[in-house]
């Protein structure tokens, strides 16, 4: 096959209203069944914040979420410090919002950040089971409380124009009481704290991952399920008009849900004819090797180490009322994870899509899956189902947050474990 043609992102994005040139000088339409063609967006550095030694605001503890407002101001949720750092369009410190604590407006266990269309900042605080709302100037406004029986929004969540939030990460006591045990719920939570099922996502092909195994190591008792490799994706994005972009398929299938649409007409589906890769013995070996290499690199997070563990029970050592030694706990989790990798459950196919996101121009960024340990290419689509081109794996990847005017913000960790937030901009001529 000939190499994919390379087209400048400027030409593609400037022509977003007319399609791709057909070759004879007249505009044509690039349908989703078009062959891949490469676009090479250039980016320019804007600023980087974060330091080993510096002011308290810039020595991050654990940055988990980023969000821009309409002016390009960046809000940085530092879970470790229990506050939000605000920087302006040049990366200059503006203010710190909230602080760690149990009082009104303080954050106990924050996770997930969103900026609403009216400028309010929303942070989910799981210590209080509330969505804490702050003004753009940092003043605490209110906490929206959720009933655990109806569900609690998890992170990430997306703000919609009606000031509700939508998420596929939902904490519920039981999903079987309402008949939703055979789906993965996507829920919308309204400003009054009520929740409603917005869409029932496909649960994935049946895999025998129900087997439980008990493991006891010293004072630590674990109940485990086999880790599922290459699980079917459940990815969300929100368009500026309130429609929700959903991926819940092994194939290249993107659904756009209009929550207020008439029954039967609320979902639009876009597809590209890309076939999922077969999970061969070579792919299985590569995935096990990737996970073990990550484990041995000591950069693996606790969330990864807890994968497949359904229950943890800790018995304090005899004569002690305190928890076990943290080093012993981590060592036990590492040993358990290594054992879990050997017992992983594999599906028959690797999903085509790994991740999606929506930028401020309502373009849909679709990162495709690659071989274990590698990054896949990223397709750029319009919300009306046109293909604008594909960014190579070494090009700009999906950021932690999109901002106005082509801003992209990334959370990065250096070899010393120091977190920084790097902001770049798609070059002006490429917009």
Protein backbone atom coordinates (compact mmCIF):
# COMPACT_ATOMS: atom_id res chain seq x y z
CA UNK A 1 0.00 0.00 0.00
CA UNK A 2 1.12 3.54 -0.66
CA UNK A 3 1.91 5.66 2.42
CA UNK A 4 -1.06 7.63 3.73
CA UNK A 5 -1.08 11.14 2.25
CA UNK A 6 -0.02 13.89 4.66
CA UNK A 7 -2.22 16.95 4.84
CA UNK A 8 -1.53 20.00 7.00
CA UNK A 9 -3.93 20.41 9.91
CA UNK A 10 -4.44 24.02 8.84
CA UNK A 11 -6.00 22.91 5.58
CA UNK A 12 -8.12 20.27 7.28
CA UNK A 13 -9.46 22.39 10.13
CA UNK A 14 -9.95 25.54 8.08
CA UNK A 15 -11.95 23.40 5.65
CA UNK A 16 -14.06 21.87 8.40
CA UNK A 17 -17.18 23.35 6.85
CA UNK A 18 -16.50 22.07 3.36
CA UNK A 19 -14.80 18.70 3.70
CA UNK A 20 -11.52 17.56 2.16
CA UNK A 21 -10.52 18.65 -1.32
CA UNK A 22 -11.48 15.99 -3.83
CA UNK A 23 -8.38 16.52 -5.98
CA UNK A 24 -9.96 18.54 -8.76
CA UNK A 25 -10.15 21.78 -6.84
CA UNK A 26 -13.71 21.29 -5.64
CA UNK A 27 -14.50 20.48 -2.04
CA UNK A 28 -15.54 16.92 -1.28
CA UNK A 29 -16.78 15.04 1.76
CA UNK A 30 -14.50 12.87 3.85
CA UNK A 31 -16.76 10.10 5.07
CA UNK A 32 -15.88 7.80 7.93
CA UNK A 33 -15.21 5.03 5.43
CA UNK A 34 -12.34 7.05 3.91
CA UNK A 35 -8.84 5.56 4.12
CA UNK A 36 -6.59 7.06 6.78
CA UNK A 37 -4.65 10.16 5.85
CA UNK A 38 -2.19 11.81 8.19
CA UNK A 39 -2.35 15.30 9.64
CA UNK A 40 0.62 16.74 11.51
CA UNK A 41 -0.49 19.47 13.91
CA UNK A 42 2.23 21.75 15.24
CA UNK A 43 2.02 22.97 18.81
CA UNK A 44 3.77 25.81 20.60
CA UNK A 45 4.67 25.82 24.29
CA UNK A 46 2.65 28.19 26.46
CA UNK A 47 3.79 27.46 30.02
CA UNK A 48 4.67 24.72 32.52
CA UNK A 49 3.89 24.85 36.24
CA UNK A 50 5.06 22.55 39.02
CA UNK A 51 8.35 22.34 40.93
CA UNK A 52 10.32 20.22 43.37
CA UNK A 53 11.05 23.27 45.51
CA UNK A 54 9.02 26.44 45.26
CA UNK A 55 5.92 28.18 46.49
CA UNK A 56 3.35 25.95 48.22
CA UNK A 57 0.91 26.25 45.32
CA UNK A 58 3.40 24.86 42.76
CA UNK A 59 4.74 21.89 44.74
CA UNK A 60 1.95 19.55 43.74
CA UNK A 61 0.96 16.59 45.87
CA UNK A 62 -1.19 14.61 43.45
CA UNK A 63 -2.74 16.39 40.47
CA UNK A 64 -5.73 14.40 39.21
CA UNK A 65 -7.90 16.74 37.11
CA UNK A 66 -7.60 19.87 34.99
CA UNK A 67 -10.23 22.17 33.49
CA UNK A 68 -10.19 25.45 31.54
CA UNK A 69 -12.80 28.17 31.60
CA UNK A 70 -13.89 30.25 28.62
CA UNK A 71 -11.10 32.79 29.22
CA UNK A 72 -8.33 30.18 29.16
CA UNK A 73 -7.82 30.24 32.93
CA UNK A 74 -6.69 26.81 34.13
CA UNK A 75 -7.99 25.10 37.27
CA UNK A 76 -5.74 22.37 38.71
CA UNK A 77 -7.19 19.93 41.25
CA UNK A 78 -4.43 18.78 43.60
CA UNK A 79 -5.98 15.85 45.49
CA UNK A 80 -2.91 15.47 47.66
CA UNK A 81 -3.14 19.04 48.94
CA UNK A 82 -6.94 19.17 49.00
CA UNK A 83 -7.27 22.36 46.99
CA UNK A 84 -7.59 23.86 43.50
CA UNK A 85 -4.79 25.96 42.05
CA UNK A 86 -5.81 28.64 39.55
CA UNK A 87 -3.35 30.02 36.99
CA UNK A 88 -3.91 32.56 34.23
CA UNK A 89 -3.24 32.27 30.49
CA UNK A 90 0.49 32.84 31.04
CA UNK A 91 0.80 30.32 33.87
CA UNK A 92 0.92 32.98 36.59
CA UNK A 93 -0.55 32.10 39.96
CA UNK A 94 -3.96 33.65 40.56
CA UNK A 95 -5.37 32.02 43.69
CA UNK A 96 -5.93 28.81 45.60
CA UNK A 97 -9.51 27.62 45.99
CA UNK A 98 -10.51 25.78 49.18
CA UNK A 99 -8.26 23.73 51.43
CA UNK A 100 -8.19 20.32 53.03
CA UNK A 101 -10.58 19.92 55.92
CA UNK A 102 -14.03 18.97 57.15
CA UNK A 103 -15.63 22.40 57.38
CA UNK A 104 -18.03 24.08 54.94
CA UNK A 105 -16.36 24.56 51.58
CA UNK A 106 -13.32 22.49 52.57
CA UNK A 107 -12.35 19.34 50.68
CA UNK A 108 -11.97 15.99 52.38
CA UNK A 109 -11.54 13.48 49.56
CA UNK A 110 -11.73 15.42 46.27
CA UNK A 111 -11.72 13.70 42.90
CA UNK A 112 -12.93 15.04 39.58
CA UNK A 113 -13.19 18.66 38.44
CA UNK A 114 -15.43 20.46 35.93
CA UNK A 115 -16.13 24.06 35.00
CA UNK A 116 -19.78 24.86 34.20
CA UNK A 117 -20.91 27.18 31.42
CA UNK A 118 -21.67 29.94 33.96
CA UNK A 119 -18.10 29.80 35.33
CA UNK A 120 -18.81 27.84 38.49
CA UNK A 121 -16.29 25.20 39.53
CA UNK A 122 -17.51 21.77 40.59
CA UNK A 123 -15.44 19.26 42.60
CA UNK A 124 -16.74 15.89 43.75
CA UNK A 125 -15.87 15.33 47.43
CA UNK A 126 -16.38 11.70 48.41
CA UNK A 127 -15.74 12.38 52.08
CA UNK A 128 -18.93 14.44 52.14
CA UNK A 129 -20.78 12.72 49.27
CA UNK A 130 -21.26 16.13 47.74
CA UNK A 131 -20.46 18.05 44.59
CA UNK A 132 -18.81 21.15 46.05
CA UNK A 133 -19.50 24.29 44.00
CA UNK A 134 -17.31 27.39 44.01
CA UNK A 135 -17.54 30.69 42.20
CA UNK A 136 -14.92 31.65 39.63
CA UNK A 137 -13.39 33.89 42.33
CA UNK A 138 -13.05 30.94 44.70
CA UNK A 139 -15.96 31.59 47.06
CA UNK A 140 -17.80 28.52 48.30
CA UNK A 141 -21.38 28.48 47.02
CA UNK A 142 -23.01 25.20 48.05
CA UNK A 143 -22.63 21.46 48.27
CA UNK A 144 -25.01 19.27 46.28
CA UNK A 145 -25.64 16.09 48.22
CA UNK A 146 -26.44 12.77 46.53
CA UNK A 147 -28.39 9.82 47.89
CA UNK A 148 -26.32 6.64 47.84
CA UNK A 149 -29.47 4.67 46.99
CA UNK A 150 -29.88 6.54 43.70
CA UNK A 151 -26.19 6.70 42.87
CA UNK A 152 -23.18 8.97 43.30
CA UNK A 153 -21.31 10.48 40.36
CA UNK A 154 -17.76 9.27 39.96
CA UNK A 155 -14.82 10.83 38.15
CA UNK A 156 -14.43 11.85 35.45
CA UNK A 157 -17.71 13.68 35.02
CA UNK A 158 -18.75 16.20 32.38
CA UNK A 159 -20.72 19.42 32.87
CA UNK A 160 -23.74 19.93 30.62
CA UNK A 161 -25.34 23.28 29.63
CA UNK A 162 -28.29 22.75 32.01
CA UNK A 163 -25.77 22.56 34.91
CA UNK A 164 -26.23 18.83 35.36
CA UNK A 165 -23.31 16.42 35.12
CA UNK A 166 -23.01 13.15 33.21
CA UNK A 167 -20.70 10.26 34.03
CA UNK A 168 -20.13 6.58 33.33
CA UNK A 169 -18.43 6.12 36.71
CA UNK A 170 -21.36 5.61 39.04
CA UNK A 171 -21.22 4.33 42.60
CA UNK A 172 -24.39 2.49 43.53
CA UNK A 173 -25.35 0.05 46.25
CA UNK A 174 -26.96 -2.21 43.67
CA UNK A 175 -27.58 -1.93 39.95
CA UNK A 176 -29.84 -4.97 39.88
CA UNK A 177 -32.73 -3.55 41.88
CA UNK A 178 -33.81 -1.37 38.93
CA UNK A 179 -33.15 -4.02 36.31
CA UNK A 180 -29.90 -2.44 35.14
CA UNK A 181 -27.65 -5.31 36.17
CA UNK A 182 -27.10 -6.26 32.52
CA UNK A 183 -25.88 -2.82 31.49
CA UNK A 184 -23.24 -0.30 32.44
CA UNK A 185 -25.20 2.79 33.51
CA UNK A 186 -24.45 6.26 32.15
CA UNK A 187 -26.22 8.67 34.46
CA UNK A 188 -27.07 12.33 34.59
CA UNK A 189 -27.13 14.03 38.00
CA UNK A 190 -29.13 17.23 38.26
CA UNK A 191 -28.45 20.33 40.42
CA UNK A 192 -31.00 19.13 43.00
CA UNK A 193 -28.93 15.95 43.62
CA UNK A 194 -31.29 13.58 41.83
CA UNK A 195 -29.94 11.05 39.35
CA UNK A 196 -31.45 9.44 36.27
CA UNK A 197 -30.33 6.71 33.92
CA UNK A 198 -29.37 8.43 30.69
CA UNK A 199 -28.19 5.42 28.71
CA UNK A 200 -27.56 1.72 29.28
CA UNK A 201 -24.15 0.93 27.84
CA UNK A 202 -23.23 -2.47 26.48
CA UNK A 203 -21.72 -4.62 29.26
CA UNK A 204 -19.26 -6.36 26.93
CA UNK A 205 -18.92 -9.95 25.77
CA UNK A 206 -19.43 -12.58 28.47
CA UNK A 207 -16.19 -13.50 30.19
CA UNK A 208 -15.79 -15.88 33.09
CA UNK A 209 -14.46 -13.39 35.62
CA UNK A 210 -16.84 -14.34 38.43
CA UNK A 211 -14.49 -16.76 40.15
CA UNK A 212 -13.41 -15.46 43.54
CA UNK A 213 -10.21 -16.45 45.27
CA UNK A 214 -9.17 -15.79 48.87
CA UNK A 215 -5.61 -14.94 49.75
CA UNK A 216 -4.19 -14.30 53.20
CA UNK A 217 -0.79 -12.73 53.75
CA UNK A 218 0.07 -11.95 57.35
CA UNK A 219 -2.43 -9.40 58.62
CA UNK A 220 -3.94 -8.82 55.18
CA UNK A 221 -6.87 -10.78 53.78
CA UNK A 222 -7.78 -10.30 50.12
CA UNK A 223 -10.66 -11.53 48.01
CA UNK A 224 -9.81 -11.41 44.31
CA UNK A 225 -11.36 -11.69 40.88
CA UNK A 226 -9.20 -12.38 37.84
CA UNK A 227 -8.01 -9.21 36.09
CA UNK A 228 -9.72 -8.72 32.74
CA UNK A 229 -7.34 -7.65 29.98
CA UNK A 230 -8.58 -5.33 27.21
CA UNK A 231 -12.00 -4.64 28.75
CA UNK A 232 -14.62 -3.11 26.43
CA UNK A 233 -14.31 0.68 26.58
CA UNK A 234 -16.84 2.98 28.14
CA UNK A 235 -15.79 6.48 27.09
CA UNK A 236 -17.73 9.73 27.28
CA UNK A 237 -17.45 13.27 25.99
CA UNK A 238 -19.84 16.22 26.06
CA UNK A 239 -20.63 18.51 23.14
CA UNK A 240 -21.34 22.17 23.82
CA UNK A 241 -25.04 21.78 22.97
CA UNK A 242 -25.49 19.10 25.66
CA UNK A 243 -25.29 15.99 23.49
CA UNK A 244 -23.17 13.18 24.88
CA UNK A 245 -20.60 11.23 22.86
CA UNK A 246 -20.37 7.56 23.87
CA UNK A 247 -18.09 4.64 23.00
CA UNK A 248 -19.16 1.26 24.39
CA UNK A 249 -18.21 -1.10 21.58
CA UNK A 250 -15.29 -3.35 20.66
CA UNK A 251 -15.56 -1.99 17.11
CA UNK A 252 -15.14 1.55 15.80
CA UNK A 253 -18.61 2.73 16.75
CA UNK A 254 -19.32 6.17 18.20
CA UNK A 255 -22.78 7.09 19.47
CA UNK A 256 -24.06 10.62 20.00
CA UNK A 257 -26.92 10.82 22.45
CA UNK A 258 -29.33 13.76 22.53
CA UNK A 259 -30.86 13.43 26.00
CA UNK A 260 -33.86 15.60 25.06
CA UNK A 261 -34.49 13.90 21.70
CA UNK A 262 -37.65 11.93 20.84
CA UNK A 263 -37.72 8.23 21.67
CA UNK A 264 -35.91 6.19 19.06
CA UNK A 265 -34.30 9.25 17.51
CA UNK A 266 -31.99 10.27 20.33
CA UNK A 267 -28.95 8.22 19.29
CA UNK A 268 -26.85 8.82 16.17
CA UNK A 269 -24.15 6.27 15.34
CA UNK A 270 -20.90 6.82 13.41
CA UNK A 271 -18.73 3.91 12.32
CA UNK A 272 -15.42 3.36 10.54
CA UNK A 273 -14.69 -0.03 8.92
CA UNK A 274 -11.82 -0.94 11.23
CA UNK A 275 -11.68 -4.51 12.51
CA UNK A 276 -10.73 -5.34 16.13
CA UNK A 277 -7.44 -7.19 16.47
CA UNK A 278 -7.54 -10.83 17.49
CA UNK A 279 -6.10 -11.67 20.90
CA UNK A 280 -3.42 -14.18 19.94
CA UNK A 281 -0.97 -15.96 22.26
CA UNK A 282 1.62 -13.37 21.22
CA UNK A 283 -0.70 -10.54 22.28
CA UNK A 284 -1.39 -12.26 25.61
CA UNK A 285 2.34 -12.65 26.29
CA UNK A 286 3.00 -9.03 25.36
CA UNK A 287 0.29 -7.76 27.70
CA UNK A 288 1.59 -9.84 30.61
CA UNK A 289 5.13 -8.63 29.94
CA UNK A 290 3.95 -5.01 29.81
CA UNK A 291 2.21 -5.28 33.17
CA UNK A 292 5.13 -7.04 34.84
CA UNK A 293 7.57 -4.45 33.48
CA UNK A 294 5.39 -1.70 34.93
CA UNK A 295 5.32 -3.51 38.25
CA UNK A 296 9.12 -3.89 38.30
CA UNK A 297 9.64 -0.23 37.37
CA UNK A 298 8.13 0.80 40.73
CA UNK A 299 6.05 3.44 38.94
CA UNK A 300 2.85 1.45 39.22
CA UNK A 301 0.05 3.27 41.05
CA UNK A 302 -1.95 1.85 43.93
CA UNK A 303 -5.06 1.91 41.73
CA UNK A 304 -3.35 -0.56 39.39
CA UNK A 305 -2.22 -2.75 42.28
CA UNK A 306 -5.82 -2.91 43.50
CA UNK A 307 -7.13 -4.06 40.11
CA UNK A 308 -9.05 -7.30 40.50
CA UNK A 309 -9.24 -7.04 44.29
CA UNK A 310 -12.86 -6.94 45.43
CA UNK A 311 -12.32 -7.03 49.22
CA UNK A 312 -9.48 -6.04 51.54
CA UNK A 313 -9.57 -6.89 55.23
CA UNK A 314 -6.70 -5.90 57.52
CA UNK A 315 -6.19 -7.50 60.90
CA UNK A 316 -3.97 -5.38 63.15
CA UNK A 317 -0.95 -7.23 64.50
CA UNK A 318 -1.44 -8.81 67.92
CA UNK A 319 -1.16 -6.19 70.62
CA UNK A 320 -1.37 -3.32 68.15
CA UNK A 321 -4.33 -1.07 67.44
CA UNK A 322 -2.81 0.61 64.42
CA UNK A 323 -2.71 -0.36 60.74
CA UNK A 324 -0.01 -2.64 59.34
CA UNK A 325 3.27 -1.25 58.11
CA UNK A 326 2.68 0.58 54.77
CA UNK A 327 5.73 -1.10 53.24
CA UNK A 328 4.38 -4.53 54.17
CA UNK A 329 0.99 -3.65 52.70
CA UNK A 330 2.51 -2.50 49.42
CA UNK A 331 4.73 -5.58 49.23
CA UNK A 332 1.67 -7.79 49.72
CA UNK A 333 -0.24 -5.92 47.01
CA UNK A 334 2.69 -6.25 44.62
CA UNK A 335 2.93 -10.00 45.21
CA UNK A 336 -0.81 -10.31 44.70
CA UNK A 337 -0.72 -8.28 41.48
CA UNK A 338 2.09 -10.42 40.08
CA UNK A 339 -0.03 -13.49 40.77
CA UNK A 340 -3.07 -11.82 39.22
CA UNK A 341 -1.16 -11.08 36.01
CA UNK A 342 -0.47 -14.77 35.62
CA UNK A 343 -4.20 -15.53 35.94
CA UNK A 344 -5.51 -12.75 33.69
CA UNK A 345 -8.67 -13.33 31.65
CA UNK A 346 -8.47 -12.37 27.97
CA UNK A 347 -11.29 -11.63 25.52
CA UNK A 348 -11.22 -12.76 21.91
CA UNK A 349 -10.63 -9.26 20.50
CA UNK A 350 -8.85 -6.03 21.40
CA UNK A 351 -11.22 -3.02 21.23
CA UNK A 352 -10.45 -0.64 18.35
CA UNK A 353 -10.96 2.53 20.42
CA UNK A 354 -8.97 3.22 23.56
CA UNK A 355 -10.13 6.72 24.44
CA UNK A 356 -12.17 9.69 23.20
CA UNK A 357 -12.46 13.37 24.10
CA UNK A 358 -14.22 16.47 22.77
CA UNK A 359 -12.38 19.76 22.26
CA UNK A 360 -13.75 23.30 22.49
CA UNK A 361 -14.61 23.29 18.78
CA UNK A 362 -16.73 20.14 19.23
CA UNK A 363 -14.22 18.03 17.33
CA UNK A 364 -14.07 14.45 18.57
CA UNK A 365 -10.59 13.06 19.23
CA UNK A 366 -10.56 9.26 18.95
CA UNK A 367 -7.43 7.45 20.14
CA UNK A 368 -7.19 4.01 18.63
CA UNK A 369 -5.76 1.00 20.44
CA UNK A 370 -2.26 -0.19 19.63
CA UNK A 371 -0.20 -3.19 20.67
CA UNK A 372 0.47 -3.53 24.42
CA UNK A 373 2.92 -0.88 25.59
CA UNK A 374 2.46 1.33 22.52
CA UNK A 375 0.36 4.40 21.73
CA UNK A 376 -2.20 4.32 18.96
CA UNK A 377 -2.99 6.99 16.37
CA UNK A 378 -5.70 9.58 17.00
CA UNK A 379 -8.52 10.31 14.56
CA UNK A 380 -10.17 13.73 14.44
CA UNK A 381 -13.89 13.75 13.61
CA UNK A 382 -16.59 16.37 13.48
CA UNK A 383 -19.78 16.10 15.51
CA UNK A 384 -21.74 15.56 12.28
CA UNK A 385 -19.71 12.50 11.34
CA UNK A 386 -16.93 13.68 9.03
CA UNK A 387 -13.37 12.42 9.18
CA UNK A 388 -10.72 15.18 9.29
CA UNK A 389 -7.59 13.03 9.45
CA UNK A 390 -5.38 10.99 11.74
CA UNK A 391 -2.56 12.16 14.04
CA UNK A 392 0.36 9.73 14.29
CA UNK A 393 1.18 8.22 17.72
CA UNK A 394 4.17 10.54 18.12
CA UNK A 395 1.98 13.62 17.49
CA UNK A 396 -0.15 15.50 20.04
CA UNK A 397 -2.16 13.06 22.12
CA UNK A 398 -5.46 13.59 23.89
CA UNK A 399 -4.77 16.03 26.76
CA UNK A 400 -6.08 16.02 30.31
CA UNK A 401 -8.04 19.16 29.38
CA UNK A 402 -8.90 21.13 26.26
CA UNK A 403 -9.13 24.91 26.40
CA UNK A 404 -10.32 27.69 24.11
CA UNK A 405 -8.14 28.82 21.22
CA UNK A 406 -6.47 25.44 20.78
CA UNK A 407 -5.10 25.07 24.34
CA UNK A 408 -4.10 21.57 25.45
CA UNK A 409 -3.06 20.78 29.05
CA UNK A 410 -1.15 17.66 30.10
CA UNK A 411 -0.30 16.17 33.51
CA UNK A 412 3.27 14.86 33.42
CA UNK A 413 5.53 13.14 35.95
CA UNK A 414 9.32 13.22 35.65
CA UNK A 415 11.79 10.50 36.59
CA UNK A 416 11.92 11.81 40.17
CA UNK A 417 8.16 11.54 40.55
CA UNK A 418 7.61 15.31 40.39
CA UNK A 419 4.32 16.31 38.80
CA UNK A 420 4.04 19.20 36.39
CA UNK A 421 1.27 20.62 34.25
CA UNK A 422 2.34 21.52 30.72
CA UNK A 423 0.16 23.70 28.52
CA UNK A 424 0.63 24.00 24.75
CA UNK A 425 -1.39 25.53 21.97
CA UNK A 426 -2.11 24.32 18.48
CA UNK A 427 -0.21 26.77 16.27
CA UNK A 428 -2.39 29.71 15.22
CA UNK A 429 -2.06 28.94 11.52
CA UNK A 430 -3.33 25.42 12.14
CA UNK A 431 -6.70 26.44 13.59
